[in-house]
């Protein structure tokens, strides 16, 4: 029976708790960090490698920028699923193993990859919904703080100019042209009404 290895010891300043876990609560941060670090495959790693893996994991959690506890937990699951999937891929590459064992490892890696996609906050993000050329709504994630994706008006400087300037190809359907036609129609109706009244007086 192998000896139990010492836990990973990493110092994290109080100011950095929220950037990693999405919460300022000490207990929440340390429980979440412990759960994520415990999900790492560390069996063949020495002390320095374990510390390096732990720091890389916390850096990944920080890089995903959790905004609250819910996103912090989702990010923790993403990292655990990723590590499990990579371990399955590693085991599938071991030589001199039965084909069935290699296939099973690859199948498990594929399932974990699909789970990773489903848990990912990106897959749960608000969708653009703009009508595409195929007539179906756009499924790209909306830009944060906006309703459309970067291709349909979410990115700075994108989208149609104010005042529908894109309609100036011939100008027939601009707001100004439509207003002028309505005014002319109203004048024509008034003129016809006036002529009809004159004819009646005769």
N, C-alpha and C. Protein backbone atom coordinates (compact mmCIF):
# COMPACT_ATOMS: atom_id res chain seq x y z
N UNK A 1 0.85 -1.20 0.00
CA UNK A 1 0.00 0.00 0.00
C UNK A 1 0.88 1.24 0.00
N UNK A 2 0.67 2.14 -0.95
CA UNK A 2 1.52 3.33 -1.07
C UNK A 2 1.21 4.31 0.04
N UNK A 3 2.25 5.04 0.45
CA UNK A 3 2.08 6.03 1.51
C UNK A 3 1.29 7.22 1.00
N UNK A 4 0.48 7.78 1.90
CA UNK A 4 -0.34 8.93 1.52
C UNK A 4 0.55 10.15 1.35
N UNK A 5 0.39 10.83 0.23
CA UNK A 5 1.22 11.99 -0.05
C UNK A 5 0.67 13.22 0.64
N UNK A 6 1.59 14.14 0.97
CA UNK A 6 1.19 15.37 1.66
C UNK A 6 0.34 16.23 0.74
N UNK A 7 -0.63 16.98 1.31
CA UNK A 7 -1.47 17.85 0.48
C UNK A 7 -0.66 18.99 -0.14
N UNK A 8 -1.20 19.54 -1.22
CA UNK A 8 -0.54 20.67 -1.88
C UNK A 8 -0.70 21.91 -1.02
N UNK A 9 0.40 22.60 -0.75
CA UNK A 9 0.38 23.80 0.07
C UNK A 9 0.69 25.01 -0.81
N UNK A 10 -0.32 25.88 -1.00
CA UNK A 10 -0.16 27.09 -1.81
C UNK A 10 -0.74 28.27 -1.05
N UNK A 11 0.05 29.32 -0.91
CA UNK A 11 -0.42 30.51 -0.22
C UNK A 11 -1.19 31.41 -1.19
N UNK A 12 -2.41 31.78 -0.79
CA UNK A 12 -3.25 32.66 -1.60
C UNK A 12 -3.64 33.86 -0.75
N UNK A 13 -3.32 35.10 -1.19
CA UNK A 13 -3.69 36.27 -0.40
C UNK A 13 -5.20 36.44 -0.31
N UNK A 14 -5.66 37.07 0.79
CA UNK A 14 -7.09 37.27 0.99
C UNK A 14 -7.74 38.02 -0.17
N UNK A 15 -7.00 38.95 -0.75
CA UNK A 15 -7.54 39.75 -1.84
C UNK A 15 -7.76 38.94 -3.12
N UNK A 16 -7.16 37.75 -3.17
CA UNK A 16 -7.27 36.95 -4.39
C UNK A 16 -8.34 35.88 -4.35
N UNK A 17 -9.09 35.80 -3.24
CA UNK A 17 -10.09 34.74 -3.11
C UNK A 17 -11.19 34.86 -4.17
N UNK A 18 -11.75 36.06 -4.31
CA UNK A 18 -12.87 36.26 -5.24
C UNK A 18 -12.44 36.01 -6.67
N UNK A 19 -11.25 36.43 -7.04
CA UNK A 19 -10.81 36.26 -8.43
C UNK A 19 -10.66 34.79 -8.81
N UNK A 20 -10.53 33.91 -7.80
CA UNK A 20 -10.36 32.48 -8.08
C UNK A 20 -11.67 31.71 -7.91
N UNK A 21 -12.43 32.01 -6.85
CA UNK A 21 -13.63 31.24 -6.53
C UNK A 21 -14.93 31.96 -6.79
N UNK A 22 -14.88 33.30 -7.00
CA UNK A 22 -16.10 34.08 -7.15
C UNK A 22 -16.72 34.48 -5.83
N UNK A 23 -16.02 34.22 -4.72
CA UNK A 23 -16.55 34.52 -3.40
C UNK A 23 -15.45 35.07 -2.49
N UNK A 24 -15.84 35.96 -1.59
CA UNK A 24 -14.89 36.49 -0.59
C UNK A 24 -14.86 35.63 0.66
N UNK A 25 -15.70 34.63 0.73
CA UNK A 25 -15.79 33.79 1.93
C UNK A 25 -14.63 32.81 1.98
N UNK A 26 -13.90 32.81 3.10
CA UNK A 26 -12.72 31.94 3.24
C UNK A 26 -13.10 30.46 3.13
N UNK A 27 -14.16 30.07 3.86
CA UNK A 27 -14.54 28.66 3.89
C UNK A 27 -14.93 28.16 2.50
N UNK A 28 -15.70 28.97 1.78
CA UNK A 28 -16.11 28.55 0.43
C UNK A 28 -14.89 28.38 -0.46
N UNK A 29 -13.97 29.35 -0.42
CA UNK A 29 -12.78 29.26 -1.27
C UNK A 29 -11.96 28.02 -0.97
N UNK A 30 -11.67 27.76 0.31
CA UNK A 30 -10.78 26.66 0.64
C UNK A 30 -11.44 25.30 0.37
N UNK A 31 -12.76 25.19 0.59
CA UNK A 31 -13.44 23.93 0.27
C UNK A 31 -13.42 23.69 -1.23
N UNK A 32 -13.75 24.74 -2.03
CA UNK A 32 -13.76 24.59 -3.48
C UNK A 32 -12.36 24.27 -4.01
N UNK A 33 -11.36 25.01 -3.53
CA UNK A 33 -9.99 24.78 -3.99
C UNK A 33 -9.53 23.36 -3.63
N UNK A 34 -9.87 22.92 -2.41
CA UNK A 34 -9.49 21.56 -2.00
C UNK A 34 -10.14 20.52 -2.89
N UNK A 35 -11.43 20.71 -3.22
CA UNK A 35 -12.13 19.75 -4.08
C UNK A 35 -11.50 19.68 -5.46
N UNK A 36 -11.16 20.86 -6.02
CA UNK A 36 -10.58 20.88 -7.36
C UNK A 36 -9.18 20.26 -7.36
N UNK A 37 -8.38 20.62 -6.38
CA UNK A 37 -7.02 20.08 -6.32
C UNK A 37 -7.03 18.57 -6.06
N UNK A 38 -8.02 18.10 -5.29
CA UNK A 38 -8.12 16.66 -5.02
C UNK A 38 -8.50 15.87 -6.26
N UNK A 39 -9.07 16.55 -7.26
CA UNK A 39 -9.46 15.88 -8.50
C UNK A 39 -8.29 15.74 -9.49
N UNK A 40 -7.13 16.32 -9.16
CA UNK A 40 -5.97 16.21 -10.04
C UNK A 40 -5.35 14.82 -9.94
N UNK A 41 -4.76 14.35 -11.04
CA UNK A 41 -4.04 13.06 -11.03
C UNK A 41 -2.60 13.35 -10.62
N UNK A 42 -2.26 13.01 -9.38
CA UNK A 42 -0.96 13.35 -8.82
C UNK A 42 -0.15 12.12 -8.41
N UNK A 43 -0.59 10.95 -8.83
CA UNK A 43 0.02 9.71 -8.35
C UNK A 43 1.51 9.64 -8.68
N UNK A 44 1.89 10.10 -9.88
CA UNK A 44 3.30 9.96 -10.30
C UNK A 44 4.06 11.27 -10.23
N UNK A 45 3.54 12.25 -9.48
CA UNK A 45 4.18 13.56 -9.39
C UNK A 45 4.94 13.70 -8.08
N UNK A 46 6.13 14.32 -8.16
CA UNK A 46 6.87 14.60 -6.93
C UNK A 46 6.36 15.90 -6.30
N UNK A 47 6.98 16.33 -5.24
CA UNK A 47 6.49 17.49 -4.49
C UNK A 47 6.47 18.76 -5.34
N UNK A 48 7.55 18.99 -6.09
CA UNK A 48 7.62 20.20 -6.93
C UNK A 48 6.58 20.16 -8.04
N UNK A 49 6.40 19.00 -8.64
CA UNK A 49 5.41 18.87 -9.72
C UNK A 49 3.99 19.06 -9.18
N UNK A 50 3.74 18.56 -7.97
CA UNK A 50 2.41 18.73 -7.38
C UNK A 50 2.12 20.20 -7.11
N UNK A 51 3.12 20.91 -6.62
CA UNK A 51 2.94 22.35 -6.38
C UNK A 51 2.70 23.09 -7.69
N UNK A 52 3.46 22.71 -8.72
CA UNK A 52 3.28 23.34 -10.03
C UNK A 52 1.88 23.08 -10.58
N UNK A 53 1.40 21.84 -10.45
CA UNK A 53 0.05 21.51 -10.92
C UNK A 53 -1.01 22.29 -10.13
N UNK A 54 -0.78 22.44 -8.83
CA UNK A 54 -1.73 23.19 -8.01
C UNK A 54 -1.78 24.65 -8.40
N UNK A 55 -0.63 25.25 -8.63
CA UNK A 55 -0.59 26.66 -9.04
C UNK A 55 -1.24 26.85 -10.41
N UNK A 56 -0.98 25.90 -11.32
CA UNK A 56 -1.57 26.00 -12.65
C UNK A 56 -3.09 25.90 -12.57
N UNK A 57 -3.59 25.04 -11.68
CA UNK A 57 -5.04 24.88 -11.52
C UNK A 57 -5.68 26.16 -11.00
N UNK A 58 -5.09 26.76 -9.98
CA UNK A 58 -5.63 28.02 -9.44
C UNK A 58 -5.54 29.14 -10.48
N UNK A 59 -4.47 29.13 -11.29
CA UNK A 59 -4.34 30.14 -12.35
C UNK A 59 -5.45 29.96 -13.38
N UNK A 60 -5.79 28.70 -13.68
CA UNK A 60 -6.88 28.44 -14.64
C UNK A 60 -8.21 28.93 -14.09
N UNK A 61 -8.46 28.69 -12.80
CA UNK A 61 -9.70 29.15 -12.18
C UNK A 61 -9.79 30.68 -12.21
N UNK A 62 -8.67 31.32 -11.94
CA UNK A 62 -8.64 32.78 -11.97
C UNK A 62 -8.83 33.31 -13.38
N UNK A 63 -8.23 32.63 -14.37
CA UNK A 63 -8.32 33.07 -15.76
C UNK A 63 -9.73 32.99 -16.32
N UNK A 64 -10.58 32.10 -15.76
CA UNK A 64 -11.96 31.99 -16.22
C UNK A 64 -12.88 33.05 -15.61
N UNK A 65 -12.35 33.83 -14.65
CA UNK A 65 -13.03 34.99 -14.09
C UNK A 65 -14.44 34.70 -13.58
N UNK A 66 -14.56 33.89 -12.53
CA UNK A 66 -15.89 33.62 -11.97
C UNK A 66 -16.48 34.89 -11.35
N UNK A 67 -17.75 35.16 -11.64
CA UNK A 67 -18.40 36.37 -11.12
C UNK A 67 -19.12 36.12 -9.80
N UNK A 68 -19.42 34.87 -9.48
CA UNK A 68 -20.09 34.55 -8.23
C UNK A 68 -19.79 33.10 -7.86
N UNK A 69 -20.38 32.64 -6.74
CA UNK A 69 -20.12 31.29 -6.26
C UNK A 69 -20.57 30.23 -7.27
N UNK A 70 -21.68 30.48 -7.93
CA UNK A 70 -22.20 29.51 -8.91
C UNK A 70 -21.20 29.28 -10.03
N UNK A 71 -20.68 30.36 -10.60
CA UNK A 71 -19.68 30.22 -11.67
C UNK A 71 -18.39 29.61 -11.13
N UNK A 72 -18.05 29.90 -9.88
CA UNK A 72 -16.86 29.30 -9.28
C UNK A 72 -16.97 27.79 -9.22
N UNK A 73 -18.16 27.28 -8.83
CA UNK A 73 -18.36 25.83 -8.77
C UNK A 73 -18.35 25.21 -10.16
N UNK A 74 -18.96 25.90 -11.13
CA UNK A 74 -18.95 25.38 -12.50
C UNK A 74 -17.52 25.29 -13.04
N UNK A 75 -16.73 26.30 -12.75
CA UNK A 75 -15.33 26.30 -13.21
C UNK A 75 -14.55 25.16 -12.56
N UNK A 76 -14.82 24.92 -11.26
CA UNK A 76 -14.18 23.80 -10.58
C UNK A 76 -14.51 22.47 -11.25
N UNK A 77 -15.78 22.30 -11.62
CA UNK A 77 -16.20 21.08 -12.31
C UNK A 77 -15.53 20.97 -13.68
N UNK A 78 -15.42 22.09 -14.39
CA UNK A 78 -14.79 22.07 -15.71
C UNK A 78 -13.35 21.57 -15.62
N UNK A 79 -12.63 22.06 -14.62
CA UNK A 79 -11.23 21.64 -14.48
C UNK A 79 -11.13 20.17 -14.12
N UNK A 80 -12.01 19.70 -13.22
CA UNK A 80 -12.01 18.29 -12.84
C UNK A 80 -12.34 17.40 -14.04
N UNK A 81 -13.35 17.82 -14.83
CA UNK A 81 -13.73 17.04 -16.02
C UNK A 81 -12.60 17.03 -17.04
N UNK A 82 -11.95 18.18 -17.22
CA UNK A 82 -10.83 18.25 -18.16
C UNK A 82 -9.71 17.30 -17.75
N UNK A 83 -9.35 17.29 -16.47
CA UNK A 83 -8.27 16.43 -16.00
C UNK A 83 -8.63 14.96 -16.17
N UNK A 84 -9.90 14.62 -15.89
CA UNK A 84 -10.33 13.23 -16.06
C UNK A 84 -10.27 12.81 -17.53
N UNK A 85 -10.71 13.72 -18.43
CA UNK A 85 -10.68 13.42 -19.85
C UNK A 85 -9.24 13.22 -20.34
N UNK A 86 -8.33 14.09 -19.91
CA UNK A 86 -6.94 13.96 -20.33
C UNK A 86 -6.30 12.69 -19.78
N UNK A 87 -6.69 12.28 -18.58
CA UNK A 87 -6.16 11.04 -18.02
C UNK A 87 -6.65 9.84 -18.83
N UNK A 88 -7.91 9.90 -19.29
CA UNK A 88 -8.42 8.82 -20.14
C UNK A 88 -7.67 8.77 -21.47
N UNK A 89 -7.40 9.94 -22.03
CA UNK A 89 -6.61 9.98 -23.27
C UNK A 89 -5.21 9.41 -23.04
N UNK A 90 -4.61 9.74 -21.90
CA UNK A 90 -3.26 9.24 -21.60
C UNK A 90 -3.26 7.72 -21.51
N UNK A 91 -4.27 7.19 -20.82
CA UNK A 91 -4.33 5.74 -20.65
C UNK A 91 -4.62 5.04 -21.98
N UNK A 92 -5.37 5.71 -22.87
CA UNK A 92 -5.66 5.11 -24.17
C UNK A 92 -4.39 4.98 -25.02
N UNK A 93 -3.37 5.80 -24.74
CA UNK A 93 -2.14 5.78 -25.52
C UNK A 93 -1.09 4.81 -24.98
N UNK A 94 -1.39 4.14 -23.88
CA UNK A 94 -0.45 3.16 -23.33
C UNK A 94 -0.33 1.97 -24.28
N UNK A 95 0.88 1.62 -24.60
CA UNK A 95 1.09 0.51 -25.53
C UNK A 95 0.84 -0.85 -24.91
N UNK A 96 0.71 -1.86 -25.77
CA UNK A 96 0.54 -3.25 -25.36
C UNK A 96 -0.67 -3.43 -24.44
N UNK A 97 -1.78 -2.83 -24.82
CA UNK A 97 -3.03 -3.05 -24.10
C UNK A 97 -4.07 -3.56 -25.09
N UNK A 98 -5.05 -4.30 -24.62
CA UNK A 98 -6.09 -4.81 -25.53
C UNK A 98 -6.82 -3.66 -26.22
N UNK A 99 -7.31 -3.94 -27.43
CA UNK A 99 -8.04 -2.93 -28.18
C UNK A 99 -9.27 -2.47 -27.42
N UNK A 100 -9.94 -3.41 -26.72
CA UNK A 100 -11.14 -3.06 -25.97
C UNK A 100 -10.84 -2.04 -24.87
N UNK A 101 -9.68 -2.19 -24.22
CA UNK A 101 -9.31 -1.26 -23.15
C UNK A 101 -9.04 0.13 -23.71
N UNK A 102 -8.35 0.18 -24.85
CA UNK A 102 -8.07 1.48 -25.48
C UNK A 102 -9.36 2.14 -25.93
N UNK A 103 -10.26 1.36 -26.52
CA UNK A 103 -11.53 1.92 -26.97
C UNK A 103 -12.36 2.43 -25.81
N UNK A 104 -12.36 1.70 -24.70
CA UNK A 104 -13.12 2.13 -23.52
C UNK A 104 -12.58 3.45 -22.97
N UNK A 105 -11.26 3.60 -22.94
CA UNK A 105 -10.68 4.85 -22.46
C UNK A 105 -11.05 6.01 -23.38
N UNK A 106 -11.02 5.77 -24.69
CA UNK A 106 -11.38 6.82 -25.64
C UNK A 106 -12.87 7.16 -25.54
N UNK A 107 -13.72 6.16 -25.32
CA UNK A 107 -15.14 6.41 -25.14
C UNK A 107 -15.40 7.26 -23.90
N UNK A 108 -14.71 6.93 -22.81
CA UNK A 108 -14.87 7.71 -21.60
C UNK A 108 -14.37 9.14 -21.78
N UNK A 109 -13.28 9.30 -22.51
CA UNK A 109 -12.77 10.64 -22.79
C UNK A 109 -13.77 11.44 -23.61
N UNK A 110 -14.40 10.78 -24.58
CA UNK A 110 -15.39 11.45 -25.41
C UNK A 110 -16.60 11.88 -24.59
N UNK A 111 -17.07 11.03 -23.69
CA UNK A 111 -18.19 11.37 -22.82
C UNK A 111 -17.84 12.55 -21.91
N UNK A 112 -16.64 12.52 -21.37
CA UNK A 112 -16.21 13.60 -20.49
C UNK A 112 -16.10 14.92 -21.26
N UNK A 113 -15.66 14.85 -22.51
CA UNK A 113 -15.56 16.06 -23.34
C UNK A 113 -16.94 16.65 -23.59
N UNK A 114 -17.93 15.80 -23.83
CA UNK A 114 -19.29 16.30 -24.04
C UNK A 114 -19.84 16.91 -22.76
N UNK A 115 -19.54 16.29 -21.62
CA UNK A 115 -19.97 16.85 -20.34
C UNK A 115 -19.31 18.20 -20.10
N UNK A 116 -18.03 18.30 -20.47
CA UNK A 116 -17.31 19.56 -20.33
C UNK A 116 -18.00 20.65 -21.14
N UNK A 117 -18.43 20.32 -22.35
CA UNK A 117 -19.11 21.30 -23.20
C UNK A 117 -20.44 21.71 -22.58
N UNK A 118 -21.18 20.76 -22.02
CA UNK A 118 -22.50 21.07 -21.45
C UNK A 118 -22.40 21.90 -20.18
N UNK A 119 -21.35 21.68 -19.39
CA UNK A 119 -21.18 22.42 -18.13
C UNK A 119 -20.62 23.80 -18.38
N UNK A 120 -19.89 23.97 -19.48
CA UNK A 120 -19.22 25.23 -19.76
C UNK A 120 -20.18 26.41 -19.73
N UNK A 121 -19.82 27.51 -19.02
CA UNK A 121 -20.68 28.70 -19.00
C UNK A 121 -20.94 29.26 -20.39
N UNK A 122 -20.01 29.04 -21.33
CA UNK A 122 -20.21 29.55 -22.68
C UNK A 122 -21.41 28.89 -23.35
N UNK A 123 -21.59 27.58 -23.11
CA UNK A 123 -22.71 26.89 -23.73
C UNK A 123 -24.03 27.30 -23.12
N UNK A 124 -23.99 27.88 -21.89
CA UNK A 124 -25.21 28.30 -21.20
C UNK A 124 -25.46 29.80 -21.37
N UNK A 125 -24.58 30.47 -22.10
CA UNK A 125 -24.69 31.92 -22.22
C UNK A 125 -25.89 32.30 -23.09
N UNK A 126 -26.31 33.54 -22.95
CA UNK A 126 -27.39 34.07 -23.77
C UNK A 126 -26.97 34.00 -25.24
N UNK A 127 -27.87 33.49 -26.08
CA UNK A 127 -27.58 33.37 -27.50
C UNK A 127 -28.01 34.63 -28.24
N UNK A 128 -27.35 34.88 -29.36
CA UNK A 128 -27.59 36.09 -30.14
C UNK A 128 -29.04 36.17 -30.62
N UNK A 129 -29.48 35.14 -31.35
CA UNK A 129 -30.86 35.09 -31.80
C UNK A 129 -31.16 35.87 -33.07
N UNK A 130 -30.17 36.59 -33.62
CA UNK A 130 -30.41 37.34 -34.85
C UNK A 130 -30.70 36.37 -36.00
N UNK A 131 -31.59 36.76 -36.90
CA UNK A 131 -31.93 35.89 -38.02
C UNK A 131 -30.77 35.81 -39.01
N UNK A 132 -30.37 34.60 -39.34
CA UNK A 132 -29.27 34.39 -40.27
C UNK A 132 -29.81 34.24 -41.69
N UNK A 133 -28.91 34.07 -42.65
CA UNK A 133 -29.33 33.92 -44.04
C UNK A 133 -30.16 32.67 -44.27
N UNK A 134 -29.96 31.67 -43.42
CA UNK A 134 -30.76 30.44 -43.54
C UNK A 134 -32.15 30.60 -42.94
N UNK A 135 -32.39 31.73 -42.28
CA UNK A 135 -33.67 31.96 -41.65
C UNK A 135 -33.75 31.49 -40.22
N UNK A 136 -32.69 30.87 -39.73
CA UNK A 136 -32.66 30.36 -38.35
C UNK A 136 -31.96 31.36 -37.44
N UNK A 137 -32.29 31.35 -36.13
CA UNK A 137 -31.65 32.28 -35.21
C UNK A 137 -30.18 31.95 -35.00
N UNK A 138 -29.35 32.98 -34.88
CA UNK A 138 -27.91 32.81 -34.63
C UNK A 138 -27.69 32.19 -33.26
N UNK A 139 -26.83 31.18 -33.18
CA UNK A 139 -26.56 30.49 -31.93
C UNK A 139 -25.25 30.92 -31.28
N UNK A 140 -24.61 31.95 -31.80
CA UNK A 140 -23.37 32.43 -31.19
C UNK A 140 -23.69 33.13 -29.87
N UNK A 141 -22.78 33.04 -28.88
CA UNK A 141 -23.05 33.69 -27.59
C UNK A 141 -23.06 35.21 -27.74
N UNK A 142 -23.97 35.85 -27.03
CA UNK A 142 -24.06 37.31 -27.07
C UNK A 142 -22.86 37.92 -26.35
N UNK A 143 -22.45 39.09 -26.79
CA UNK A 143 -21.39 39.83 -26.11
C UNK A 143 -21.88 40.21 -24.72
N UNK A 144 -21.00 40.10 -23.73
CA UNK A 144 -21.40 40.40 -22.34
C UNK A 144 -21.98 41.81 -22.24
N UNK A 145 -23.17 41.89 -21.67
CA UNK A 145 -23.82 43.18 -21.50
C UNK A 145 -24.67 43.60 -22.68
N UNK A 146 -24.69 42.75 -23.75
CA UNK A 146 -25.47 43.09 -24.93
C UNK A 146 -26.30 41.88 -25.35
N UNK A 147 -27.24 42.11 -26.27
CA UNK A 147 -28.15 41.04 -26.69
C UNK A 147 -27.69 40.30 -27.93
N UNK A 148 -26.71 40.86 -28.66
CA UNK A 148 -26.26 40.25 -29.91
C UNK A 148 -24.81 39.80 -29.81
N UNK A 149 -24.41 38.92 -30.74
CA UNK A 149 -23.03 38.45 -30.79
C UNK A 149 -22.15 39.50 -31.47
N UNK A 150 -20.85 39.23 -31.54
CA UNK A 150 -19.92 40.21 -32.10
C UNK A 150 -20.15 40.43 -33.60
N UNK A 151 -20.82 39.45 -34.27
CA UNK A 151 -21.05 39.58 -35.70
C UNK A 151 -22.35 40.29 -36.03
N UNK A 152 -23.25 40.38 -35.05
CA UNK A 152 -24.57 40.95 -35.31
C UNK A 152 -24.86 42.19 -34.46
N UNK A 153 -23.83 42.94 -34.14
CA UNK A 153 -24.07 44.21 -33.46
C UNK A 153 -23.58 44.29 -32.04
N UNK A 154 -23.01 43.20 -31.50
CA UNK A 154 -22.56 43.25 -30.12
C UNK A 154 -21.21 43.90 -29.94
N UNK A 155 -20.34 43.81 -30.96
CA UNK A 155 -18.98 44.35 -30.84
C UNK A 155 -19.00 45.87 -31.05
N UNK A 156 -18.05 46.59 -30.43
CA UNK A 156 -17.99 48.04 -30.61
C UNK A 156 -17.82 48.41 -32.09
N UNK A 157 -18.62 49.36 -32.55
CA UNK A 157 -18.52 49.82 -33.93
C UNK A 157 -19.24 48.97 -34.94
N UNK A 158 -19.88 47.87 -34.49
CA UNK A 158 -20.59 47.00 -35.42
C UNK A 158 -22.06 47.39 -35.48
N UNK A 159 -22.79 46.76 -36.40
CA UNK A 159 -24.21 47.05 -36.54
C UNK A 159 -24.47 48.16 -37.53
N UNK A 160 -25.73 48.36 -37.87
CA UNK A 160 -26.11 49.39 -38.83
C UNK A 160 -25.94 50.78 -38.23
N UNK A 161 -25.53 51.76 -39.02
CA UNK A 161 -25.40 53.13 -38.51
C UNK A 161 -26.75 53.68 -38.07
N UNK A 162 -26.73 54.62 -37.14
CA UNK A 162 -27.96 55.24 -36.67
C UNK A 162 -28.63 55.98 -37.82
N UNK A 163 -29.95 55.81 -37.94
CA UNK A 163 -30.68 56.47 -39.01
C UNK A 163 -30.85 55.62 -40.24
N UNK A 164 -30.49 54.33 -40.14
CA UNK A 164 -30.66 53.40 -41.25
C UNK A 164 -29.94 53.89 -42.51
N UNK A 165 -28.68 54.29 -42.39
CA UNK A 165 -27.92 54.76 -43.54
C UNK A 165 -27.68 53.66 -44.57
N UNK A 166 -27.82 52.38 -44.14
CA UNK A 166 -27.63 51.29 -45.09
C UNK A 166 -28.70 51.29 -46.17
N UNK A 167 -29.81 52.00 -45.95
CA UNK A 167 -30.89 52.02 -46.94
C UNK A 167 -30.66 53.06 -48.03
N UNK A 168 -29.52 53.74 -48.01
CA UNK A 168 -29.28 54.82 -48.95
C UNK A 168 -28.80 54.33 -50.32
N UNK A 169 -28.92 53.04 -50.59
CA UNK A 169 -28.51 52.55 -51.91
C UNK A 169 -29.32 53.25 -52.99
N UNK A 170 -30.62 53.38 -52.79
CA UNK A 170 -31.46 54.15 -53.71
C UNK A 170 -32.32 55.16 -52.96
N UNK A 171 -32.37 55.07 -51.64
CA UNK A 171 -33.05 56.07 -50.83
C UNK A 171 -34.56 55.98 -50.80
N UNK A 172 -35.13 54.93 -51.42
CA UNK A 172 -36.58 54.87 -51.53
C UNK A 172 -37.26 54.51 -50.21
N UNK A 173 -36.53 53.81 -49.33
CA UNK A 173 -37.13 53.33 -48.10
C UNK A 173 -36.51 53.95 -46.85
N UNK A 174 -35.85 55.08 -46.99
CA UNK A 174 -35.35 55.77 -45.80
C UNK A 174 -36.53 56.40 -45.07
N UNK A 175 -36.33 56.72 -43.79
CA UNK A 175 -37.40 57.32 -43.00
C UNK A 175 -37.85 58.65 -43.61
N UNK A 176 -36.87 59.43 -44.12
CA UNK A 176 -37.21 60.73 -44.71
C UNK A 176 -38.07 60.56 -45.97
N UNK A 177 -37.70 59.58 -46.84
CA UNK A 177 -38.46 59.36 -48.07
C UNK A 177 -39.88 58.88 -47.76
N UNK A 178 -40.01 58.00 -46.79
CA UNK A 178 -41.34 57.51 -46.41
C UNK A 178 -42.20 58.64 -45.86
N UNK A 179 -41.58 59.51 -45.03
CA UNK A 179 -42.33 60.64 -44.47
C UNK A 179 -42.79 61.59 -45.57
N UNK A 180 -41.92 61.84 -46.57
CA UNK A 180 -42.31 62.73 -47.68
C UNK A 180 -43.47 62.14 -48.48
N UNK A 181 -43.43 60.83 -48.73
CA UNK A 181 -44.52 60.21 -49.48
C UNK A 181 -45.83 60.29 -48.70
N UNK A 182 -45.76 60.15 -47.41
CA UNK A 182 -46.98 60.25 -46.60
C UNK A 182 -47.55 61.67 -46.63
N UNK A 183 -46.64 62.67 -46.58
CA UNK A 183 -47.10 64.05 -46.66
C UNK A 183 -47.76 64.34 -48.01
N UNK A 184 -47.14 63.84 -49.09
CA UNK A 184 -47.72 64.03 -50.42
C UNK A 184 -49.08 63.35 -50.54
N UNK A 185 -49.20 62.15 -49.97
CA UNK A 185 -50.48 61.44 -50.02
C UNK A 185 -51.56 62.22 -49.26
N UNK A 186 -51.15 62.80 -48.12
CA UNK A 186 -52.11 63.59 -47.34
C UNK A 186 -52.55 64.83 -48.12
N UNK A 187 -51.58 65.50 -48.79
CA UNK A 187 -51.92 66.68 -49.59
C UNK A 187 -52.84 66.32 -50.75
N UNK A 188 -52.58 65.17 -51.39
CA UNK A 188 -53.42 64.74 -52.50
C UNK A 188 -54.84 64.48 -52.02
N UNK A 189 -54.99 63.84 -50.86
CA UNK A 189 -56.31 63.58 -50.32
C UNK A 189 -57.05 64.88 -50.01
N UNK A 190 -56.30 65.84 -49.42
CA UNK A 190 -56.91 67.13 -49.12
C UNK A 190 -57.36 67.84 -50.40
N UNK A 191 -56.51 67.76 -51.45
CA UNK A 191 -56.85 68.41 -52.72
C UNK A 191 -58.09 67.78 -53.33
N UNK A 192 -58.19 66.47 -53.30
CA UNK A 192 -59.35 65.79 -53.85
C UNK A 192 -60.63 66.15 -53.07
N UNK A 193 -60.48 66.23 -51.76
CA UNK A 193 -61.65 66.60 -50.94
C UNK A 193 -62.10 68.02 -51.26
N UNK A 194 -61.13 68.92 -51.41
CA UNK A 194 -61.46 70.31 -51.74
C UNK A 194 -62.12 70.42 -53.11
N UNK A 195 -61.61 69.69 -54.09
CA UNK A 195 -62.20 69.70 -55.43
C UNK A 195 -63.63 69.15 -55.41
N UNK A 196 -63.84 68.10 -54.61
CA UNK A 196 -65.17 67.52 -54.51
C UNK A 196 -66.16 68.51 -53.90
N UNK A 197 -65.69 69.27 -52.90
CA UNK A 197 -66.56 70.28 -52.28
C UNK A 197 -66.89 71.39 -53.25
N UNK A 198 -65.91 71.80 -54.06
CA UNK A 198 -66.15 72.84 -55.06
C UNK A 198 -67.16 72.38 -56.09
N UNK A 199 -67.06 71.13 -56.51
CA UNK A 199 -67.98 70.60 -57.51
C UNK A 199 -69.41 70.57 -56.95
N UNK A 200 -69.54 70.24 -55.66
CA UNK A 200 -70.86 70.19 -55.06
C UNK A 200 -71.51 71.57 -54.99
N UNK A 201 -70.70 72.62 -54.74
CA UNK A 201 -71.24 73.97 -54.62
C UNK A 201 -71.74 74.52 -55.98
N UNK A 202 -71.19 74.00 -57.05
CA UNK A 202 -71.61 74.43 -58.36
C UNK A 202 -73.04 73.92 -58.65
